[in-house]
N, C-alpha and C. Protein backbone atom coordinates (compact mmCIF):
# COMPACT_ATOMS: atom_id res chain seq x y z
N MET A 1 33.12 -29.47 -0.59
CA MET A 1 33.73 -28.36 0.11
C MET A 1 34.00 -27.20 -0.84
N LYS A 2 34.38 -27.54 -2.08
CA LYS A 2 34.66 -26.48 -3.05
C LYS A 2 33.39 -25.70 -3.37
N LYS A 3 32.28 -26.41 -3.38
CA LYS A 3 31.02 -25.75 -3.69
C LYS A 3 30.70 -24.68 -2.65
N MET A 4 30.93 -24.96 -1.38
CA MET A 4 30.69 -23.99 -0.32
C MET A 4 31.61 -22.79 -0.47
N GLU A 5 32.86 -23.03 -0.87
CA GLU A 5 33.80 -21.93 -1.04
C GLU A 5 33.36 -21.02 -2.18
N THR A 6 32.88 -21.60 -3.27
CA THR A 6 32.44 -20.78 -4.40
C THR A 6 31.18 -19.99 -4.04
N ILE A 7 30.31 -20.59 -3.26
CA ILE A 7 29.11 -19.87 -2.82
C ILE A 7 29.51 -18.67 -1.96
N ALA A 8 30.46 -18.87 -1.06
CA ALA A 8 30.93 -17.79 -0.20
C ALA A 8 31.61 -16.70 -1.03
N GLU A 9 32.41 -17.11 -2.02
CA GLU A 9 33.09 -16.13 -2.88
C GLU A 9 32.07 -15.33 -3.68
N ASN A 10 31.05 -16.01 -4.18
CA ASN A 10 30.02 -15.31 -4.94
C ASN A 10 29.26 -14.31 -4.06
N ALA A 11 29.01 -14.70 -2.82
CA ALA A 11 28.31 -13.80 -1.90
C ALA A 11 29.15 -12.56 -1.61
N VAL A 12 30.45 -12.75 -1.41
CA VAL A 12 31.33 -11.62 -1.15
C VAL A 12 31.39 -10.70 -2.37
N ALA A 13 31.49 -11.29 -3.55
CA ALA A 13 31.52 -10.49 -4.78
C ALA A 13 30.21 -9.73 -4.96
N TRP A 14 29.11 -10.36 -4.62
CA TRP A 14 27.79 -9.72 -4.73
C TRP A 14 27.70 -8.52 -3.80
N LEU A 15 28.22 -8.68 -2.58
CA LEU A 15 28.20 -7.57 -1.64
C LEU A 15 29.10 -6.43 -2.09
N LYS A 16 30.25 -6.76 -2.67
CA LYS A 16 31.17 -5.73 -3.13
C LYS A 16 30.59 -4.94 -4.29
N ARG A 17 29.82 -5.58 -5.15
CA ARG A 17 29.23 -4.90 -6.30
C ARG A 17 28.16 -3.91 -5.88
N GLY A 18 27.57 -4.10 -4.75
CA GLY A 18 26.52 -3.19 -4.29
C GLY A 18 25.12 -3.66 -4.63
N ASP A 19 24.98 -4.88 -5.13
CA ASP A 19 23.64 -5.38 -5.44
C ASP A 19 22.78 -5.47 -4.19
N ALA A 20 23.41 -5.76 -3.07
CA ALA A 20 22.65 -5.88 -1.83
C ALA A 20 22.02 -4.55 -1.45
N VAL A 21 22.76 -3.47 -1.67
CA VAL A 21 22.24 -2.15 -1.32
C VAL A 21 21.05 -1.82 -2.21
N ARG A 22 21.16 -2.13 -3.51
CA ARG A 22 20.04 -1.88 -4.40
C ARG A 22 18.82 -2.70 -3.99
N GLY A 23 19.05 -3.93 -3.58
CA GLY A 23 17.94 -4.77 -3.12
C GLY A 23 17.27 -4.20 -1.88
N GLU A 24 18.09 -3.65 -0.98
CA GLU A 24 17.53 -3.04 0.23
C GLU A 24 16.72 -1.80 -0.11
N LYS A 25 17.19 -1.03 -1.11
CA LYS A 25 16.44 0.16 -1.52
C LYS A 25 15.09 -0.24 -2.10
N GLN A 26 15.08 -1.28 -2.91
CA GLN A 26 13.82 -1.75 -3.48
C GLN A 26 12.88 -2.22 -2.38
N LEU A 27 13.43 -2.93 -1.40
CA LEU A 27 12.61 -3.40 -0.29
C LEU A 27 12.04 -2.22 0.49
N GLY A 28 12.87 -1.20 0.71
CA GLY A 28 12.40 -0.02 1.43
C GLY A 28 11.29 0.70 0.69
N MET A 29 11.44 0.81 -0.63
CA MET A 29 10.39 1.47 -1.43
C MET A 29 9.11 0.64 -1.41
N SER A 30 9.25 -0.67 -1.49
CA SER A 30 8.07 -1.54 -1.46
C SER A 30 7.35 -1.43 -0.12
N LEU A 31 8.12 -1.44 0.95
CA LEU A 31 7.51 -1.33 2.27
C LEU A 31 6.84 0.03 2.46
N ARG A 32 7.45 1.06 1.91
CA ARG A 32 6.86 2.40 2.03
C ARG A 32 5.55 2.47 1.25
N PHE A 33 5.50 1.84 0.06
CA PHE A 33 4.27 1.80 -0.72
C PHE A 33 3.18 1.04 0.03
N ILE A 34 3.55 -0.09 0.62
CA ILE A 34 2.58 -0.89 1.38
C ILE A 34 2.07 -0.09 2.58
N TYR A 35 2.96 0.66 3.22
CA TYR A 35 2.56 1.51 4.35
C TYR A 35 1.51 2.53 3.90
N GLY A 36 1.74 3.18 2.78
CA GLY A 36 0.77 4.15 2.26
C GLY A 36 -0.53 3.49 1.87
N TYR A 37 -0.44 2.31 1.25
CA TYR A 37 -1.64 1.58 0.85
C TYR A 37 -2.47 1.21 2.07
N LEU A 38 -1.80 0.81 3.14
CA LEU A 38 -2.53 0.47 4.37
C LEU A 38 -3.17 1.70 5.01
N LYS A 39 -2.51 2.85 4.90
CA LYS A 39 -3.14 4.08 5.39
C LYS A 39 -4.42 4.36 4.61
N GLY A 40 -4.38 4.14 3.30
CA GLY A 40 -5.58 4.30 2.48
C GLY A 40 -6.64 3.28 2.85
N PHE A 41 -6.20 2.05 3.13
CA PHE A 41 -7.13 0.99 3.53
C PHE A 41 -7.84 1.38 4.82
N ILE A 42 -7.10 1.95 5.76
CA ILE A 42 -7.70 2.37 7.02
C ILE A 42 -8.71 3.48 6.79
N ALA A 43 -8.38 4.42 5.90
CA ALA A 43 -9.32 5.51 5.60
C ALA A 43 -10.61 4.96 4.99
N VAL A 44 -10.49 4.03 4.05
CA VAL A 44 -11.68 3.44 3.44
C VAL A 44 -12.43 2.58 4.46
N ALA A 45 -11.71 1.90 5.34
CA ALA A 45 -12.36 1.07 6.36
C ALA A 45 -13.18 1.92 7.34
N ILE A 46 -12.64 3.08 7.69
CA ILE A 46 -13.40 3.97 8.58
C ILE A 46 -14.68 4.43 7.90
N LEU A 47 -14.57 4.80 6.63
CA LEU A 47 -15.76 5.18 5.87
C LEU A 47 -16.73 4.02 5.76
N TYR A 48 -16.20 2.81 5.59
CA TYR A 48 -17.02 1.60 5.50
C TYR A 48 -17.82 1.39 6.79
N VAL A 49 -17.17 1.55 7.92
CA VAL A 49 -17.85 1.36 9.21
C VAL A 49 -18.93 2.42 9.41
N VAL A 50 -18.63 3.66 9.05
CA VAL A 50 -19.62 4.73 9.20
C VAL A 50 -20.84 4.45 8.33
N VAL A 51 -20.60 4.03 7.09
CA VAL A 51 -21.72 3.72 6.19
C VAL A 51 -22.49 2.50 6.70
N ALA A 52 -21.78 1.51 7.21
CA ALA A 52 -22.45 0.31 7.74
C ALA A 52 -23.35 0.67 8.92
N LEU A 53 -22.87 1.53 9.80
CA LEU A 53 -23.71 1.96 10.93
C LEU A 53 -24.93 2.74 10.44
N THR A 54 -24.74 3.55 9.41
CA THR A 54 -25.87 4.28 8.83
C THR A 54 -26.89 3.32 8.26
N ILE A 55 -26.41 2.29 7.59
CA ILE A 55 -27.31 1.29 7.01
C ILE A 55 -28.09 0.57 8.10
N ILE A 56 -27.40 0.21 9.17
CA ILE A 56 -28.07 -0.50 10.27
C ILE A 56 -29.13 0.38 10.93
N LEU A 57 -28.80 1.64 11.14
CA LEU A 57 -29.73 2.53 11.84
C LEU A 57 -30.89 3.01 10.97
N LEU A 58 -30.62 3.33 9.70
CA LEU A 58 -31.65 3.96 8.88
C LEU A 58 -32.30 3.05 7.85
N ASP A 59 -31.69 1.91 7.55
CA ASP A 59 -32.21 0.95 6.58
C ASP A 59 -32.58 1.63 5.24
N PRO A 60 -31.59 2.21 4.55
CA PRO A 60 -31.89 2.91 3.29
C PRO A 60 -32.02 1.95 2.12
N LYS A 61 -32.41 2.50 0.97
CA LYS A 61 -32.44 1.72 -0.27
C LYS A 61 -31.03 1.68 -0.83
N GLU A 62 -30.89 1.10 -2.02
CA GLU A 62 -29.57 1.01 -2.65
C GLU A 62 -28.99 2.40 -2.88
N PHE A 63 -27.69 2.51 -2.68
CA PHE A 63 -27.00 3.75 -2.99
C PHE A 63 -25.54 3.44 -3.29
N SER A 64 -24.86 4.43 -3.83
CA SER A 64 -23.46 4.25 -4.18
C SER A 64 -22.69 5.53 -3.90
N LEU A 65 -21.64 5.41 -3.12
CA LEU A 65 -20.67 6.49 -2.97
C LEU A 65 -19.57 6.18 -3.98
N PHE A 66 -18.60 7.03 -4.11
CA PHE A 66 -17.54 6.73 -5.07
C PHE A 66 -16.71 5.53 -4.64
N VAL A 67 -16.50 5.37 -3.35
CA VAL A 67 -15.62 4.30 -2.88
C VAL A 67 -16.38 3.09 -2.33
N LEU A 68 -17.66 3.24 -2.04
CA LEU A 68 -18.47 2.14 -1.51
C LEU A 68 -19.78 2.03 -2.28
N ARG A 69 -20.29 0.80 -2.36
CA ARG A 69 -21.59 0.59 -3.01
C ARG A 69 -22.42 -0.34 -2.13
N TYR A 70 -23.68 0.03 -1.93
CA TYR A 70 -24.61 -0.77 -1.14
C TYR A 70 -25.68 -1.31 -2.07
N VAL A 71 -25.81 -2.63 -2.11
CA VAL A 71 -26.80 -3.30 -2.96
C VAL A 71 -27.75 -4.05 -2.04
N GLN A 72 -29.05 -3.87 -2.27
CA GLN A 72 -30.05 -4.54 -1.44
C GLN A 72 -31.02 -5.29 -2.36
N THR A 73 -31.13 -6.59 -2.14
CA THR A 73 -32.10 -7.40 -2.87
C THR A 73 -32.98 -8.11 -1.85
N GLU A 74 -33.88 -8.93 -2.33
CA GLU A 74 -34.75 -9.66 -1.40
C GLU A 74 -33.97 -10.70 -0.61
N GLU A 75 -32.97 -11.31 -1.25
CA GLU A 75 -32.21 -12.37 -0.57
C GLU A 75 -31.10 -11.85 0.35
N TYR A 76 -30.46 -10.77 -0.06
CA TYR A 76 -29.30 -10.32 0.71
C TYR A 76 -29.11 -8.81 0.57
N SER A 77 -28.28 -8.27 1.45
CA SER A 77 -27.81 -6.89 1.37
C SER A 77 -26.29 -6.94 1.35
N GLN A 78 -25.69 -6.12 0.52
CA GLN A 78 -24.24 -6.20 0.37
C GLN A 78 -23.64 -4.80 0.31
N LEU A 79 -22.61 -4.58 1.11
CA LEU A 79 -21.85 -3.33 1.10
C LEU A 79 -20.43 -3.70 0.70
N LYS A 80 -19.93 -3.11 -0.39
CA LYS A 80 -18.59 -3.49 -0.82
C LYS A 80 -17.82 -2.29 -1.33
N VAL A 81 -16.50 -2.43 -1.34
CA VAL A 81 -15.60 -1.39 -1.82
C VAL A 81 -15.57 -1.46 -3.34
N THR A 82 -15.68 -0.31 -4.00
CA THR A 82 -15.66 -0.28 -5.46
C THR A 82 -14.23 -0.17 -5.97
N LEU A 83 -14.10 -0.15 -7.27
CA LEU A 83 -12.79 0.02 -7.90
C LEU A 83 -12.19 1.38 -7.54
N TRP A 84 -13.05 2.39 -7.41
CA TRP A 84 -12.58 3.71 -6.99
C TRP A 84 -11.97 3.67 -5.59
N GLY A 85 -12.53 2.84 -4.72
CA GLY A 85 -11.98 2.70 -3.38
C GLY A 85 -10.59 2.10 -3.40
N HIS A 86 -10.40 1.09 -4.24
CA HIS A 86 -9.07 0.50 -4.37
C HIS A 86 -8.11 1.49 -5.02
N GLY A 87 -8.62 2.28 -5.94
CA GLY A 87 -7.79 3.32 -6.55
C GLY A 87 -7.36 4.36 -5.53
N LEU A 88 -8.25 4.69 -4.61
CA LEU A 88 -7.90 5.63 -3.54
C LEU A 88 -6.78 5.08 -2.67
N MET A 89 -6.86 3.79 -2.36
CA MET A 89 -5.80 3.16 -1.57
C MET A 89 -4.48 3.20 -2.34
N LEU A 90 -4.55 2.96 -3.64
CA LEU A 90 -3.36 3.01 -4.49
C LEU A 90 -2.76 4.41 -4.49
N LEU A 91 -3.60 5.43 -4.54
CA LEU A 91 -3.10 6.80 -4.51
C LEU A 91 -2.39 7.12 -3.19
N PHE A 92 -2.91 6.60 -2.09
CA PHE A 92 -2.22 6.78 -0.81
C PHE A 92 -0.83 6.16 -0.87
N GLY A 93 -0.72 4.98 -1.48
CA GLY A 93 0.57 4.32 -1.61
C GLY A 93 1.53 5.11 -2.48
N LEU A 94 1.04 5.63 -3.61
CA LEU A 94 1.89 6.43 -4.50
C LEU A 94 2.32 7.73 -3.83
N TYR A 95 1.43 8.33 -3.07
CA TYR A 95 1.77 9.55 -2.34
C TYR A 95 2.90 9.28 -1.35
N GLU A 96 2.86 8.14 -0.71
CA GLU A 96 3.91 7.78 0.24
C GLU A 96 5.25 7.61 -0.48
N LEU A 97 5.23 7.06 -1.70
CA LEU A 97 6.46 6.95 -2.48
C LEU A 97 7.00 8.33 -2.85
N LEU A 98 6.12 9.26 -3.19
CA LEU A 98 6.57 10.61 -3.50
C LEU A 98 7.21 11.27 -2.28
N LEU A 99 6.65 11.03 -1.11
CA LEU A 99 7.25 11.56 0.11
C LEU A 99 8.64 10.96 0.34
N LEU A 100 8.79 9.68 0.04
CA LEU A 100 10.08 9.02 0.20
C LEU A 100 11.11 9.64 -0.73
N LYS A 101 10.74 9.89 -1.98
CA LYS A 101 11.68 10.51 -2.93
C LYS A 101 12.06 11.92 -2.49
N ALA A 102 11.10 12.66 -1.96
CA ALA A 102 11.40 14.01 -1.47
C ALA A 102 12.38 13.95 -0.30
N GLU A 103 12.22 12.98 0.59
CA GLU A 103 13.14 12.82 1.71
C GLU A 103 14.54 12.49 1.22
N LYS A 104 14.64 11.65 0.19
CA LYS A 104 15.95 11.30 -0.36
C LYS A 104 16.63 12.53 -0.96
N ARG A 105 15.86 13.37 -1.66
CA ARG A 105 16.43 14.59 -2.24
C ARG A 105 16.94 15.52 -1.14
N LYS A 106 16.20 15.64 -0.05
CA LYS A 106 16.64 16.49 1.06
C LYS A 106 17.94 15.97 1.66
N LYS A 107 18.04 14.65 1.79
CA LYS A 107 19.26 14.06 2.36
C LYS A 107 20.45 14.31 1.44
N LYS A 108 20.25 14.23 0.12
CA LYS A 108 21.34 14.49 -0.82
C LYS A 108 21.80 15.94 -0.74
N ARG A 109 20.86 16.87 -0.61
CA ARG A 109 21.23 18.29 -0.51
C ARG A 109 22.02 18.55 0.76
N ARG A 110 21.68 17.89 1.84
CA ARG A 110 22.38 18.10 3.11
C ARG A 110 23.80 17.56 3.05
N ARG A 111 24.01 16.50 2.29
CA ARG A 111 25.35 15.92 2.18
C ARG A 111 26.30 16.84 1.42
N VAL A 112 25.78 17.54 0.44
CA VAL A 112 26.63 18.39 -0.40
C VAL A 112 27.01 19.65 0.26
């Protein structure tokens, strides 16, 4: 029974210190980054579908865009996202974090 009481006391002390609020802020920033990354993923996916349809209709030779690369051999054909494509998704995520920081600054100015 004493163990449960100490756990409850520690939880109350943790909440009073404000660690929970910091944890929530970190979670919010992480979710915002993931949101931006997914927006980038959708942009690359749309480009992927357009290129895939072009490949199906025109049957081109090997080519490479900055974010996608198409490789054609005798055994297989492969369309894949390059490192630049993943970097583009990362930039979308970082941009979303910058927007979040700008929103926080606006909220601080309004409070004052």
